[in-house]
Amino acid sequence: MYRFLLSRQWVILTLVGLVLIPVMIKLGFWQLHRHEHRVAQNQLIADNLHADPVPVTDLTAPGRTLPRDDMWRRVSATGTYDTKHEVVVRQRTAADEQTIGYYVLTPLVLDQGPRKGTTVLVNRGWIASGNDLTRFPDVPAAPKGKVTVTGRMMADETTENSGIKDKPGLPERQVMLINSEQQAKALGRPVLGGYIEQTAPKPPGGKPEPVPEPDHDSIGPHMAYAVQWWLFAAGVPVGWFILVRRERRDRPAAAAGPADSAAEVTGDGADNAAAEGADKVATSAADTTPAGSAPAEPLPRTVAGSE
C-alpha cells in the first residue's frame, strides 16, 4: 500500500524533510537568542542612561578597554579643551540618519582628580561635511577655559566592532575611527580608554549637533522570525503527510485507468464490428434479389437429427 515510499523520489524527499526540521528549529532558537540579547541591551542602555553621572576616571584609564556593562553610562569630566589637536571623524550621519558629515572629536585635558593632566576624548557632535572633503571643515569653536562636560561613556571604535575600514592617507586632522590608542600616539601623551559622547552643556546654536541617545525601546522582529521558523519546522511533517495521502489516493486510479480504457475500447469495437457485419449481410441480400420480385422466404432452420 505504501511501497511507493521506498522509491528514489520519496526517499530523497523524506531525507530532505528530516534535514530541514532540525535546521529550522535551530534557526528559530538563533532568532530567539537575538531577541533576548536585544531586550537585555535595551535594559542596560536604559539603566545606564538614567544612572547618576560618575567621574570618567571611575570607569576608565589609559589603555583600558571599556567593559560592556559600562557602555552608555553617564560620566562627567572637568578640564580644558585642546582645540589645537581637534580632529573630525569622517562619514558620520546626522540625527536624520541620512545626511553624511563629520563628528567633532576634541581632546579634553583633565585638571582635577587622581588623573589630572590626562586626556579624554570628547565627541562634541555632528557637523555638515561641506563641499571640499580634502580640507579641514569649519568647526564651531569649543568653549574656552575650564569646562565640565557630561555625556555617555562609549568604547573605542575598531575595525572589528564597528565595521568601518580605517583608510590610510586621509587629509590632515581627519580620521575614520574614534580610538583612544590612535589619538594617544598622535598626541604623544596618555589618553583614557574610550570616549565621551557629550550631552551637556548644550552647544550654542545647536552646533555641533548633539549625537542622539541610542534607541532602547524597539526590540526588532527577531521573536516573530523565531516563531516563523518553528512554524516552518512544524509544517514540514504536515506537508509530507498530506503528500503521502495524496499519492496513495491517486495511485489506484492511475493503475486502473489503462485497464478500464482497454475494456472500453474492446466493448466498443465488438459492437461496431457486429453492426458492420449486419449491414454487409443486408446489403448483399438486397443486391442479389431480382428487381420487382418478392423477397426470398427465409430457409427453415435445420434441427439436429432430422432429415
Protein backbone atom coordinates (compact mmCIF):
# COMPACT_ATOMS: atom_id res chain seq x y z
CA MET A 1 0.00 0.00 0.00
CA TYR A 2 2.83 2.40 0.86
CA ARG A 3 5.60 0.70 -1.11
CA PHE A 4 5.99 3.89 -3.17
CA LEU A 5 7.75 5.40 -0.13
CA LEU A 6 10.73 3.20 -1.00
CA SER A 7 11.08 4.81 -4.41
CA ARG A 8 14.09 7.02 -5.05
CA GLN A 9 11.97 10.14 -5.33
CA TRP A 10 10.24 9.62 -1.99
CA VAL A 11 13.40 8.60 -0.17
CA ILE A 12 15.10 11.85 -1.26
CA LEU A 13 12.03 13.90 -0.33
CA THR A 14 11.86 12.29 3.12
CA LEU A 15 15.57 12.82 3.78
CA VAL A 16 15.34 16.49 2.77
CA GLY A 17 12.45 16.94 5.19
CA LEU A 18 14.36 15.25 8.01
CA VAL A 19 17.28 17.63 7.43
CA LEU A 20 15.13 20.75 7.21
CA ILE A 21 13.31 20.19 10.51
CA PRO A 22 16.33 20.49 12.88
CA VAL A 23 17.84 23.28 10.76
CA MET A 24 14.66 25.35 11.04
CA ILE A 25 14.37 24.66 14.75
CA LYS A 26 17.97 25.83 15.25
CA LEU A 27 17.32 28.99 13.21
CA GLY A 28 14.32 29.69 15.40
CA PHE A 29 16.42 29.47 18.57
CA TRP A 30 19.07 31.68 16.95
CA GLN A 31 16.46 34.38 16.39
CA LEU A 32 15.18 33.87 19.94
CA HIS A 33 18.68 34.45 21.34
CA ARG A 34 19.00 37.60 19.24
CA HIS A 35 15.69 38.79 20.68
CA GLU A 36 16.87 38.10 24.23
CA HIS A 37 20.16 39.89 23.55
CA ARG A 38 18.28 42.94 22.21
CA VAL A 39 15.99 43.03 25.24
CA ALA A 40 18.96 42.77 27.62
CA GLN A 41 20.84 45.50 25.76
CA ASN A 42 17.81 47.80 25.85
CA GLN A 43 17.58 47.31 29.59
CA LEU A 44 21.31 48.01 30.01
CA ILE A 45 21.09 51.21 27.95
CA ALA A 46 18.04 52.42 29.86
CA ASP A 47 19.62 51.73 33.25
CA ASN A 48 22.91 53.45 32.35
CA LEU A 49 21.22 56.46 30.76
CA HIS A 50 19.16 57.07 33.91
CA ALA A 51 22.01 56.48 36.36
CA ASP A 52 23.66 59.41 38.13
CA PRO A 53 26.85 60.67 36.44
CA VAL A 54 30.16 59.44 37.84
CA PRO A 55 33.66 60.83 37.22
CA VAL A 56 35.06 59.47 33.99
CA THR A 57 38.18 58.26 35.81
CA ASP A 58 35.99 55.85 37.84
CA LEU A 59 35.25 53.83 34.70
CA THR A 60 38.36 54.02 32.56
CA ALA A 61 42.11 54.51 32.46
CA PRO A 62 44.75 54.87 29.74
CA GLY A 63 44.91 51.74 27.61
CA ARG A 64 41.85 50.21 29.25
CA THR A 65 39.07 48.58 27.23
CA LEU A 66 35.68 49.75 28.43
CA PRO A 67 33.57 46.83 29.73
CA ARG A 68 30.25 46.32 28.01
CA ASP A 69 28.32 46.92 31.25
CA ASP A 70 29.77 50.46 31.41
CA MET A 71 28.70 51.38 27.87
CA TRP A 72 26.32 54.39 27.73
CA ARG A 73 27.00 55.10 31.42
CA ARG A 74 26.67 58.79 32.28
CA VAL A 75 30.00 60.34 33.21
CA SER A 76 31.39 63.79 33.88
CA ALA A 77 34.82 65.31 33.24
CA THR A 78 36.29 68.70 34.11
CA GLY A 79 39.17 70.25 32.23
CA THR A 80 40.25 72.38 29.29
CA TYR A 81 39.70 71.64 25.61
CA ASP A 82 42.82 71.15 23.47
CA THR A 83 41.42 72.58 20.23
CA LYS A 84 44.85 72.57 18.60
CA HIS A 85 44.64 68.77 18.31
CA GLU A 86 40.95 68.64 17.44
CA VAL A 87 40.06 66.20 14.61
CA VAL A 88 36.95 65.30 12.65
CA VAL A 89 35.62 61.78 12.11
CA ARG A 90 34.57 61.14 8.52
CA GLN A 91 31.39 59.60 7.10
CA ARG A 92 29.09 60.02 10.07
CA THR A 93 25.34 60.57 9.80
CA ALA A 94 23.25 63.29 11.38
CA ALA A 95 20.26 62.65 13.61
CA ASP A 96 18.14 62.07 10.49
CA GLU A 97 20.36 59.03 9.73
CA GLN A 98 20.69 60.17 6.12
CA THR A 99 22.88 63.27 5.88
CA ILE A 100 26.60 62.47 5.85
CA GLY A 101 29.07 64.69 7.68
CA TYR A 102 31.67 64.68 10.47
CA TYR A 103 31.84 64.09 14.20
CA VAL A 104 33.94 66.70 16.02
CA LEU A 105 36.41 64.95 18.33
CA THR A 106 38.16 67.27 20.78
CA PRO A 107 40.68 66.23 23.47
CA LEU A 108 39.84 67.42 26.98
CA VAL A 109 42.76 67.73 29.40
CA LEU A 110 41.61 66.89 32.92
CA ASP A 111 42.63 69.41 35.56
CA GLN A 112 41.42 67.65 38.70
CA GLY A 113 41.12 64.22 40.25
CA PRO A 114 43.66 61.41 40.53
CA ARG A 115 44.46 61.57 36.80
CA LYS A 116 44.99 65.28 36.50
CA GLY A 117 46.74 66.12 33.24
CA THR A 118 45.40 63.02 31.48
CA THR A 119 43.41 63.48 28.28
CA VAL A 120 39.95 62.13 27.47
CA LEU A 121 38.37 62.31 24.02
CA VAL A 122 35.05 64.12 23.72
CA ASN A 123 32.70 63.69 20.75
CA ARG A 124 31.13 67.16 20.72
CA GLY A 125 28.62 66.31 17.99
CA TRP A 126 27.91 66.32 14.25
CA ILE A 127 28.58 68.94 11.58
CA ALA A 128 27.95 69.02 7.84
CA SER A 129 30.85 67.99 5.63
CA GLY A 130 30.70 70.91 3.20
CA ASN A 131 31.80 70.81 -0.41
CA ASP A 132 35.53 70.19 -0.06
CA LEU A 133 36.31 66.91 1.69
CA THR A 134 40.05 67.40 1.37
CA ARG A 135 40.28 70.32 3.81
CA PHE A 136 39.53 70.65 7.48
CA PRO A 137 35.93 71.91 7.81
CA ASP A 138 34.76 74.95 9.69
CA VAL A 139 34.16 73.63 13.20
CA PRO A 140 32.14 75.51 15.83
CA ALA A 141 34.56 76.66 18.47
CA ALA A 142 34.81 74.72 21.70
CA PRO A 143 34.31 76.58 24.99
CA LYS A 144 37.47 78.24 26.28
CA GLY A 145 38.81 77.82 29.76
CA LYS A 146 37.68 75.35 32.34
CA VAL A 147 34.54 73.36 31.43
CA THR A 148 32.64 70.46 32.92
CA VAL A 149 31.34 68.01 30.32
CA THR A 150 28.63 65.41 30.89
CA GLY A 151 27.94 62.62 28.45
CA ARG A 152 27.66 58.92 27.66
CA MET A 153 30.74 56.74 28.04
CA MET A 154 31.50 54.86 24.83
CA ALA A 155 34.02 52.16 23.94
CA ASP A 156 36.81 52.71 21.43
CA GLU A 157 35.85 52.05 17.82
CA THR A 158 37.81 49.41 15.96
CA THR A 159 37.50 47.92 12.50
CA GLU A 160 36.17 44.72 14.07
CA ASN A 161 33.44 46.16 16.32
CA SER A 162 32.34 48.99 14.04
CA GLY A 163 32.70 47.53 10.55
CA ILE A 164 34.38 50.78 9.45
CA LYS A 165 37.55 50.50 7.37
CA ASP A 166 40.43 52.57 8.69
CA LYS A 167 41.61 54.17 5.46
CA PRO A 168 45.19 55.43 5.24
CA GLY A 169 46.26 58.68 3.59
CA LEU A 170 43.40 60.84 4.87
CA PRO A 171 43.59 64.64 4.81
CA GLU A 172 45.22 66.28 7.80
CA ARG A 173 43.24 66.11 11.09
CA GLN A 174 40.69 63.69 9.66
CA VAL A 175 40.18 60.15 10.97
CA MET A 176 37.85 57.24 10.33
CA LEU A 177 37.61 55.81 13.86
CA ILE A 178 37.24 57.22 17.35
CA ASN A 179 40.06 55.33 19.01
CA SER A 180 41.95 56.42 22.13
CA GLU A 181 45.09 54.43 21.27
CA GLN A 182 45.40 56.10 17.87
CA GLN A 183 44.94 59.54 19.39
CA ALA A 184 47.41 58.79 22.19
CA LYS A 185 50.06 58.10 19.53
CA ALA A 186 49.15 61.28 17.65
CA LEU A 187 49.19 63.41 20.83
CA GLY A 188 52.22 61.77 22.39
CA ARG A 189 50.57 61.56 25.82
CA PRO A 190 48.26 59.20 27.79
CA VAL A 191 44.60 59.13 26.78
CA LEU A 192 41.82 57.46 28.75
CA GLY A 193 40.34 54.40 27.05
CA GLY A 194 37.05 55.01 25.30
CA TYR A 195 35.50 58.44 24.77
CA ILE A 196 32.67 60.68 25.98
CA GLU A 197 29.64 61.33 23.79
CA GLN A 198 28.75 64.82 25.00
CA THR A 199 25.21 65.60 26.14
CA ALA A 200 25.84 68.74 28.23
CA PRO A 201 26.42 71.60 28.15
CA LYS A 202 24.34 72.21 25.06
CA PRO A 203 26.36 73.96 22.32
CA PRO A 204 25.28 77.47 21.43
CA GLY A 205 23.03 77.48 18.36
CA GLY A 206 22.84 73.69 18.41
CA LYS A 207 26.16 73.35 16.55
CA PRO A 208 27.75 70.84 16.61
CA GLU A 209 24.52 68.83 16.57
CA PRO A 210 24.42 66.57 19.66
CA VAL A 211 24.52 62.85 18.97
CA PRO A 212 21.06 61.39 19.78
CA GLU A 213 20.87 58.77 22.50
CA PRO A 214 20.72 55.16 21.32
CA ASP A 215 17.38 53.52 20.71
CA HIS A 216 16.40 51.34 23.67
CA ASP A 217 12.66 50.87 23.05
CA SER A 218 12.34 48.78 19.89
CA ILE A 219 13.02 45.06 20.11
CA GLY A 220 13.12 44.31 16.40
CA PRO A 221 11.46 41.43 14.50
CA HIS A 222 13.58 38.61 15.96
CA MET A 223 10.82 36.99 18.02
CA ALA A 224 8.48 37.00 15.01
CA TYR A 225 11.21 35.38 12.91
CA ALA A 226 11.75 32.72 15.58
CA VAL A 227 8.04 31.82 15.56
CA GLN A 228 8.07 31.70 11.76
CA TRP A 229 10.99 29.26 11.67
CA TRP A 230 9.30 26.99 14.20
CA LEU A 231 6.06 27.07 12.20
CA PHE A 232 8.02 26.13 9.09
CA ALA A 233 9.59 23.21 11.00
CA ALA A 234 6.14 22.03 12.11
CA GLY A 235 4.81 22.41 8.56
CA VAL A 236 7.38 20.01 7.06
CA PRO A 237 5.92 16.77 8.55
CA VAL A 238 2.37 18.03 7.98
CA GLY A 239 3.15 18.71 4.32
CA TRP A 240 4.90 15.35 3.99
CA PHE A 241 1.85 13.53 5.40
CA ILE A 242 -0.50 15.37 3.03
CA LEU A 243 1.66 14.47 0.04
CA VAL A 244 1.75 10.80 1.11
CA ARG A 245 -2.04 10.65 1.44
CA ARG A 246 -2.49 12.29 -1.95
CA GLU A 247 -0.02 9.91 -3.58
CA ARG A 248 -1.74 6.87 -2.05
CA ARG A 249 -5.14 8.12 -3.21
CA ASP A 250 -4.00 8.84 -6.76
CA ARG A 251 -2.07 5.61 -7.35
CA PRO A 252 -5.10 3.15 -7.56
CA ALA A 253 -6.83 5.46 -10.01
CA ALA A 254 -3.71 5.65 -12.14
CA ALA A 255 -3.30 1.84 -12.10
CA ALA A 256 -6.95 1.18 -13.02
CA GLY A 257 -7.01 3.79 -15.73
CA PRO A 258 -5.30 1.78 -18.56
CA ALA A 259 -7.34 -1.44 -17.90
CA ASP A 260 -10.65 0.43 -17.93
CA SER A 261 -9.66 2.16 -21.12
CA ALA A 262 -8.75 -1.17 -22.81
CA ALA A 263 -12.05 -2.77 -21.75
CA GLU A 264 -13.99 0.18 -23.01
CA VAL A 265 -12.19 0.12 -26.32
CA THR A 266 -12.77 -3.71 -26.70
CA GLY A 267 -16.51 -3.44 -26.00
CA ASP A 268 -17.00 -0.59 -28.36
CA GLY A 269 -15.01 -2.42 -31.08
CA ALA A 270 -17.14 -5.61 -30.81
CA ASP A 271 -20.37 -3.64 -31.04
CA ASN A 272 -19.10 -1.71 -34.03
CA ALA A 273 -17.93 -4.97 -35.77
CA ALA A 274 -21.33 -6.65 -35.24
CA ALA A 275 -23.14 -3.64 -36.60
CA GLU A 276 -20.91 -3.50 -39.65
CA GLY A 277 -21.45 -7.29 -40.27
CA ALA A 278 -25.21 -6.94 -40.16
CA ASP A 279 -25.10 -4.04 -42.56
CA LYS A 280 -22.98 -6.07 -45.02
CA VAL A 281 -25.40 -9.08 -44.95
CA ALA A 282 -28.38 -6.86 -45.56
CA THR A 283 -26.63 -5.10 -48.38
CA SER A 284 -25.63 -8.42 -50.02
CA ALA A 285 -29.15 -9.81 -49.86
CA ALA A 286 -30.59 -6.71 -51.37
CA ASP A 287 -28.13 -6.82 -54.19
CA THR A 288 -28.96 -10.48 -55.17
CA THR A 289 -32.79 -10.10 -55.22
CA PRO A 290 -34.17 -9.54 -58.80
CA ALA A 291 -35.90 -6.28 -59.36
CA GLY A 292 -39.69 -6.47 -58.88
CA SER A 293 -39.69 -9.92 -57.24
CA ALA A 294 -40.72 -10.67 -53.69
CA PRO A 295 -38.08 -11.20 -51.15
CA ALA A 296 -36.97 -14.79 -50.74
CA GLU A 297 -38.52 -16.82 -47.96
CA PRO A 298 -36.23 -17.50 -45.11
CA LEU A 299 -34.86 -21.04 -45.05
CA PRO A 300 -36.10 -23.32 -42.26
CA ARG A 301 -33.59 -23.97 -39.51
CA THR A 302 -32.11 -27.46 -39.52
CA VAL A 303 -32.78 -29.41 -36.40
CA ALA A 304 -30.19 -31.83 -35.30
CA GLY A 305 -31.27 -35.44 -36.10
CA SER A 306 -33.99 -34.57 -38.69
CA GLU A 307 -33.76 -35.46 -42.31
